[in-house]
C-alpha atoms as a PDB file:
ATOM      1  CA  MET A   1     160.834 111.856 -11.653  1.00  0.00           C
ATOM      2  CA  ILE A   2     160.577 110.931  -7.995  1.00  0.00           C
ATOM      3  CA  ASP A   3     157.054 111.479  -6.478  1.00  0.00           C
ATOM      4  CA  LEU A   4     157.209 112.706  -2.913  1.00  0.00           C
ATOM      5  CA  SER A   5     154.367 112.916  -0.409  1.00  0.00           C
ATOM      6  CA  LEU A   6     153.472 116.448   0.612  1.00  0.00           C
ATOM      7  CA  ASN A   7     155.159 115.809   3.984  1.00  0.00           C
ATOM      8  CA  GLU A   8     158.063 114.681   2.395  1.00  0.00           C
ATOM      9  CA  VAL A   9     158.363 118.103   0.397  1.00  0.00           C
ATOM     10  CA  GLU A  10     157.539 120.124   3.250  1.00  0.00           C
ATOM     11  CA  THR A  11     160.513 118.289   5.525  1.00  0.00           C
ATOM     12  CA  LEU A  12     163.000 118.178   2.631  1.00  0.00           C
ATOM     13  CA  SER A  13     162.249 121.853   1.866  1.00  0.00           C
ATOM     14  CA  THR A  14     162.641 122.745   5.494  1.00  0.00           C
ATOM     15  CA  LYS A  15     166.040 121.290   6.049  1.00  0.00           C
ATOM     16  CA  ALA A  16     167.270 122.526   2.458  1.00  0.00           C
ATOM     17  CA  ALA A  17     166.292 125.838   3.510  1.00  0.00           C
ATOM     18  CA  ARG A  18     168.163 125.939   6.918  1.00  0.00           C
ATOM     19  CA  GLY A  19     171.141 124.836   5.093  1.00  0.00           C
ATOM     20  CA  ALA A  20     170.945 127.708   2.717  1.00  0.00           C
ATOM     21  CA  GLY A  21     170.931 129.880   5.860  1.00  0.00           C
ATOM     22  CA  PHE A  22     167.404 130.821   6.707  1.00  0.00           C
ATOM     23  CA  SER A  23     166.584 130.888  10.441  1.00  0.00           C
ATOM     24  CA  TRP A  24     164.892 127.607  11.522  1.00  0.00           C
ATOM     25  CA  GLY A  25     161.323 129.629  11.918  1.00  0.00           C
ATOM     26  CA  LEU A  26     161.911 131.095   8.298  1.00  0.00           C
ATOM     27  CA  ALA A  27     162.971 127.314   7.239  1.00  0.00           C
ATOM     28  CA  GLU A  28     159.403 126.091   8.404  1.00  0.00           C
ATOM     29  CA  ASP A  29     157.472 128.640   6.689  1.00  0.00           C
ATOM     30  CA  ILE A  30     159.507 127.845   3.316  1.00  0.00           C
ATOM     31  CA  GLY A  31     158.760 124.016   4.042  1.00  0.00           C
ATOM     32  CA  ARG A  32     154.924 124.989   4.197  1.00  0.00           C
ATOM     33  CA  ALA A  33     155.402 127.242   1.331  1.00  0.00           C
ATOM     34  CA  ALA A  34     157.034 124.498  -0.900  1.00  0.00           C
ATOM     35  CA  ARG A  35     154.049 122.098  -0.015  1.00  0.00           C
ATOM     36  CA  ARG A  36     151.803 124.835  -1.745  1.00  0.00           C
ATOM     37  CA  ILE A  37     153.605 125.389  -4.768  1.00  0.00           C
ATOM     38  CA  ALA A  38     153.822 121.296  -4.923  1.00  0.00           C
ATOM     39  CA  GLY A  39     150.476 121.000  -4.601  1.00  0.00           C
ATOM     40  CA  GLU A  40     149.534 123.365  -7.244  1.00  0.00           C
ATOM     41  CA  GLU A  41     151.950 120.920  -9.484  1.00  0.00           C
ATOM     42  CA  ASN A  42     154.271 123.849  -9.902  1.00  0.00           C
ATOM     43  CA  ASP A  43     157.954 122.946 -10.418  1.00  0.00           C
ATOM     44  CA  TRP A  44     158.329 122.589  -6.595  1.00  0.00           C
ATOM     45  CA  GLY A  45     161.887 121.527  -6.578  1.00  0.00           C
ATOM     46  CA  GLU A  46     163.399 123.881  -9.165  1.00  0.00           C
ATOM     47  CA  ALA A  47     161.758 126.715  -7.247  1.00  0.00           C
ATOM     48  CA  MET A  48     163.235 125.433  -3.929  1.00  0.00           C
ATOM     49  CA  LEU A  49     166.848 125.052  -5.485  1.00  0.00           C
ATOM     50  CA  SER A  50     166.704 128.025  -7.090  1.00  0.00           C
ATOM     51  CA  LEU A  51     165.835 129.788  -3.750  1.00  0.00           C
ATOM     52  CA  ALA A  52     168.494 127.871  -1.739  1.00  0.00           C
ATOM     53  CA  GLU A  53     171.247 128.594  -4.179  1.00  0.00           C
ATOM     54  CA  ASN A  54     170.198 132.451  -4.500  1.00  0.00           C
ATOM     55  CA  ALA A  55     169.763 132.900  -0.865  1.00  0.00           C
ATOM     56  CA  GLN A  56     172.685 135.251   0.329  1.00  0.00           C
ATOM     57  CA  SER A  57     172.211 137.129  -2.792  1.00  0.00           C
ATOM     58  CA  PHE A  58     168.760 138.484  -1.794  1.00  0.00           C
ATOM     59  CA  ALA A  59     168.180 141.842   0.378  1.00  0.00           C
ATOM     60  CA  ALA A  60     166.150 141.655   3.271  1.00  0.00           C
ATOM     61  CA  PRO A  61     163.657 144.497   3.365  1.00  0.00           C
ATOM     62  CA  ASP A  62     164.890 147.522   5.232  1.00  0.00           C
ATOM     63  CA  PRO A  63     162.877 149.430   7.965  1.00  0.00           C
ATOM     64  CA  ALA A  64     162.424 152.448   5.700  1.00  0.00           C
ATOM     65  CA  ARG A  65     161.091 150.095   2.809  1.00  0.00           C
ATOM     66  CA  ALA A  66     158.553 148.703   5.172  1.00  0.00           C
ATOM     67  CA  ALA A  67     157.394 152.336   6.507  1.00  0.00           C
ATOM     68  CA  ARG A  68     156.710 153.332   2.780  1.00  0.00           C
ATOM     69  CA  TRP A  69     154.549 150.000   2.425  1.00  0.00           C
ATOM     70  CA  ARG A  70     152.711 150.565   5.541  1.00  0.00           C
ATOM     71  CA  SER A  71     152.036 154.316   4.452  1.00  0.00           C
ATOM     72  CA  GLY A  72     151.042 153.418   0.720  1.00  0.00           C
ATOM     73  CA  GLU A  73     153.907 155.381  -0.815  1.00  0.00           C
ATOM     74  CA  ALA A  74     155.777 154.412  -3.767  1.00  0.00           C
ATOM     75  CA  ASP A  75     158.167 151.428  -3.287  1.00  0.00           C
ATOM     76  CA  TRP A  76     162.029 151.853  -4.367  1.00  0.00           C
ATOM     77  CA  PRO A  77     163.747 149.206  -5.204  1.00  0.00           C
ATOM     78  CA  ALA A  78     167.090 148.365  -3.237  1.00  0.00           C
ATOM     79  CA  GLU A  79     170.461 147.361  -5.291  1.00  0.00           C
ATOM     80  CA  LYS A  80     169.626 143.591  -4.942  1.00  0.00           C
ATOM     81  CA  PRO A  81     166.637 141.573  -5.482  1.00  0.00           C
ATOM     82  CA  LEU A  82     164.348 141.586  -2.455  1.00  0.00           C
ATOM     83  CA  CYS A  83     164.190 138.321  -0.663  1.00  0.00           C
ATOM     84  CA  PRO A  84     160.423 137.244  -0.904  1.00  0.00           C
ATOM     85  CA  ILE A  85     160.998 135.244   2.065  1.00  0.00           C
ATOM     86  CA  ARG A  86     161.703 138.015   4.651  1.00  0.00           C
ATOM     87  CA  ALA A  87     159.571 140.252   3.005  1.00  0.00           C
ATOM     88  CA  ALA A  88     156.513 137.730   3.346  1.00  0.00           C
ATOM     89  CA  ALA A  89     157.555 137.358   6.953  1.00  0.00           C
ATOM     90  CA  LEU A  90     157.559 140.913   7.524  1.00  0.00           C
ATOM     91  CA  LEU A  91     154.324 141.468   5.925  1.00  0.00           C
ATOM     92  CA  LEU A  92     152.525 138.725   7.741  1.00  0.00           C
ATOM     93  CA  ASP A  93     153.824 139.842  11.012  1.00  0.00           C
ATOM     94  CA  ASP A  94     152.970 143.425  10.375  1.00  0.00           C
ATOM     95  CA  PRO A  95     150.267 143.543   7.738  1.00  0.00           C
ATOM     96  CA  PRO A  96     150.135 146.917   6.175  1.00  0.00           C
ATOM     97  CA  PRO A  97     146.569 149.157   6.215  1.00  0.00           C
ATOM     98  CA  ALA A  98     143.855 148.244   4.058  1.00  0.00           C
ATOM     99  CA  ASN A  99     144.285 151.711   2.850  1.00  0.00           C
ATOM    100  CA  ALA A 100     147.825 150.929   1.460  1.00  0.00           C
ATOM    101  CA  MET A 101     146.192 148.357  -0.831  1.00  0.00           C
ATOM    102  CA  PRO A 102     146.782 147.340  -3.407  1.00  0.00           C
ATOM    103  CA  LEU A 103     150.570 147.130  -2.830  1.00  0.00           C
ATOM    104  CA  THR A 104     153.233 147.536  -5.486  1.00  0.00           C
ATOM    105  CA  ILE A 105     156.729 146.160  -4.178  1.00  0.00           C
ATOM    106  CA  LEU A 106     159.481 146.364  -6.919  1.00  0.00           C
ATOM    107  CA  ASP A 107     162.093 143.587  -7.459  1.00  0.00           C
ATOM    108  CA  VAL A 108     160.734 140.952  -5.913  1.00  0.00           C
ATOM    109  CA  GLY A 109     163.616 137.744  -6.150  1.00  0.00           C
ATOM    110  CA  LEU A 110     161.637 134.614  -7.203  1.00  0.00           C
ATOM    111  CA  PRO A 111     158.000 136.281  -6.711  1.00  0.00           C
ATOM    112  CA  ILE A 112     156.616 132.562  -6.618  1.00  0.00           C
ATOM    113  CA  TRP A 113     157.970 131.974  -2.849  1.00  0.00           C
ATOM    114  CA  LEU A 114     156.198 135.665  -2.091  1.00  0.00           C
ATOM    115  CA  ASP A 115     152.699 134.287  -3.374  1.00  0.00           C
ATOM    116  CA  ALA A 116     153.147 131.134  -1.884  1.00  0.00           C
ATOM    117  CA  MET A 117     154.034 132.353   1.798  1.00  0.00           C
ATOM    118  CA  LEU A 118     150.989 134.998   1.688  1.00  0.00           C
ATOM    119  CA  ARG A 119     148.398 132.150   0.685  1.00  0.00           C
ATOM    120  CA  ARG A 120     147.465 131.204   4.189  1.00  0.00           C
ATOM    121  CA  SER A 121     146.728 135.167   5.046  1.00  0.00           C
ATOM    122  CA  ASN A 122     144.463 137.887   3.953  1.00  0.00           C
ATOM    123  CA  MET A 123     146.724 138.918   1.106  1.00  0.00           C
ATOM    124  CA  GLN A 124     147.414 137.463  -2.125  1.00  0.00           C
ATOM    125  CA  VAL A 125     149.801 138.466  -5.000  1.00  0.00           C
ATOM    126  CA  ALA A 126     148.072 139.390  -7.989  1.00  0.00           C
ATOM    127  CA  ARG A 127     148.593 136.586 -10.935  1.00  0.00           C
ATOM    128  CA  PRO A 128     150.977 137.983 -13.042  1.00  0.00           C
ATOM    129  CA  ALA A 129     152.514 135.714 -15.573  1.00  0.00           C
ATOM    130  CA  LYS A 130     155.804 136.747 -14.034  1.00  0.00           C
ATOM    131  CA  LEU A 131     155.178 134.566 -11.098  1.00  0.00           C
ATOM    132  CA  LEU A 132     157.795 132.335 -12.025  1.00  0.00           C
ATOM    133  CA  MET A 133     160.618 134.647 -13.147  1.00  0.00           C
ATOM    134  CA  PRO A 134     163.718 134.984 -11.310  1.00  0.00           C
ATOM    135  CA  ARG A 135     162.740 138.498 -10.316  1.00  0.00           C
ATOM    136  CA  ALA A 136     159.730 140.688 -10.821  1.00  0.00           C
ATOM    137  CA  ASP A 137     157.563 143.701 -10.007  1.00  0.00           C
ATOM    138  CA  ILE A 138     154.292 142.239  -8.068  1.00  0.00           C
ATOM    139  CA  VAL A 139     151.133 143.829  -6.785  1.00  0.00           C
ATOM    140  CA  ILE A 140     149.811 142.794  -3.663  1.00  0.00           C
ATOM    141  CA  GLU A 141     145.728 142.763  -2.784  1.00  0.00           C
ATOM    142  CA  ASN A 142     143.670 141.851  -0.165  1.00  0.00           C
ATOM    143  CA  ARG A 143     141.955 138.592  -0.269  1.00  0.00           C
ATOM    144  CA  ALA A 144     138.430 137.476   0.353  1.00  0.00           C
ATOM    145  CA  GLU A 145     138.985 134.338   1.890  1.00  0.00           C
ATOM    146  CA  ILE A 146     142.272 132.290   3.189  1.00  0.00           C
ATOM    147  CA  GLU A 147     143.122 129.283   1.436  1.00  0.00           C
ATOM    148  CA  GLN A 148     142.689 125.911   3.036  1.00  0.00           C
ATOM    149  CA  PRO A 149     145.807 123.797   3.018  1.00  0.00           C
ATOM    150  CA  ILE A 150     146.032 121.395   0.002  1.00  0.00           C
ATOM    151  CA  VAL A 151     146.255 117.429   0.581  1.00  0.00           C
ATOM    152  CA  GLY A 152     146.198 114.366  -0.861  1.00  0.00           C
ATOM    153  CA  GLN A 153     148.660 115.378  -3.753  1.00  0.00           C
ATOM    154  CA  ARG A 154     152.621 114.552  -4.271  1.00  0.00           C
ATOM    155  CA  GLY A 155     154.940 116.606  -5.483  1.00  0.00           C
ATOM    156  CA  ALA A 156     157.432 115.674  -8.389  1.00  0.00           C
ATOM    157  CA  ILE A 157     161.047 116.016  -8.231  1.00  0.00           C
ATOM    158  CA  ASP A 158     163.654 114.820 -10.643  1.00  0.00           C
ATOM    159  CA  GLU A 159     166.792 112.913  -9.550  1.00  0.00           C
ATOM    160  CA  ARG A 160     169.358 115.680  -9.954  1.00  0.00           C
ATOM    161  CA  THR A 161     167.205 118.386  -8.153  1.00  0.00           C
ATOM    162  CA  LEU A 162     166.512 116.075  -5.251  1.00  0.00           C
ATOM    163  CA  ALA A 163     170.394 115.548  -4.867  1.00  0.00           C
ATOM    164  CA  ALA A 164     171.145 119.126  -5.229  1.00  0.00           C
ATOM    165  CA  LEU A 165     168.548 119.554  -2.254  1.00  0.00           C
ATOM    166  CA  ASN A 166     169.591 116.791  -0.171  1.00  0.00           C
ATOM    167  CA  SER A 167     173.077 118.458  -0.361  1.00  0.00           C
ATOM    168  CA  PHE A 168     171.750 121.790   1.281  1.00  0.00           C
ATOM    169  CA  ALA A 169     169.914 119.499   3.691  1.00  0.00           C
ATOM    170  CA  ALA A 170     172.707 117.674   4.729  1.00  0.00           C
ATOM    171  CA  ARG A 171     174.388 121.015   5.864  1.00  0.00           C
ATOM    172  CA  THR A 172     171.873 120.695   8.833  1.00  0.00           C
ATOM    173  CA  TYR A 173     173.456 117.458  10.146  1.00  0.00           C
ATOM    174  CA  VAL A 174     175.460 116.778  13.205  1.00  0.00           C
ATOM    175  CA  PRO A 175     178.978 115.546  12.255  1.00  0.00           C
ATOM    176  CA  GLU A 176     179.952 111.723  13.405  1.00  0.00           C
ATOM    177  CA  SER A 177     182.238 112.141  16.335  1.00  0.00           C
ATOM    178  CA  GLU A 178     184.678 109.364  17.360  1.00  0.00           C
ATOM    179  CA  ARG A 179     182.180 108.470  20.454  1.00  0.00           C
ATOM    180  CA  SER A 180     179.209 107.879  17.952  1.00  0.00           C
ATOM    181  CA  ARG A 181     181.231 105.730  15.724  1.00  0.00           C
ATOM    182  CA  VAL A 182     182.154 103.529  18.311  1.00  0.00           C
ATOM    183  CA  ARG A 183     178.652 103.521  19.404  1.00  0.00           C
ATOM    184  CA  GLY A 184     176.840 103.070  16.239  1.00  0.00           C
ATOM    185  CA  ALA A 185     173.100 103.713  15.699  1.00  0.00           C
ATOM    186  CA  GLY A 186     171.337 103.712  19.070  1.00  0.00           C
ATOM    187  CA  GLY A 187     171.931 104.448  22.699  1.00  0.00           C
ATOM    188  CA  GLY A 188     175.012 102.554  23.394  1.00  0.00           C
ATOM    189  CA  ARG A 189     175.750  99.611  25.719  1.00  0.00           C
ATOM    190  CA  VAL A 190     172.081  99.631  27.506  1.00  0.00           C
ATOM    191  CA  ASP A 191     169.088  99.625  24.914  1.00  0.00           C
ATOM    192  CA  ASP A 192     166.031 100.684  26.888  1.00  0.00           C
ATOM    193  CA  GLU A 193     164.067 100.971  24.141  1.00  0.00           C
END
């Protein structure tokens, strides 16, 4: 096992999420959520790898489904599991009214991510044991107080998972060009740093 600082957890998760196809904005949200998962001593590495590997298999919440959430109507599942990241972003950007709570959302993929994304808001996922499952129906409730960031802890990860996440992160790197290979690292002929 390798111990990473929570900053390293956040940075690696952000890059891996971007490499998995999430936009930079969502990837940054995922990095912060991974930090919260690691701070609770959950297996953040496996959760992050599952999210990266399954990112393209999730369905984004469609406008009709989001409208049902806001009006307090019963949710209908989609053909594919609901993307926990995009669902959380939608709920954070346009929260449902208080009279729509508690809100039941069906067939959420990797619900631990929806829970982690909502932690710094006035919403929370009711704590079912199914939070670590690949998909589950979840209930969102109002939260009494917003959680503060976790500091001073580390996130453990095994070498295989770290290598897999680094391969997703590597997709964000700019490929070398002939010019950059000739120049090597640094600023070229004039080093003004």
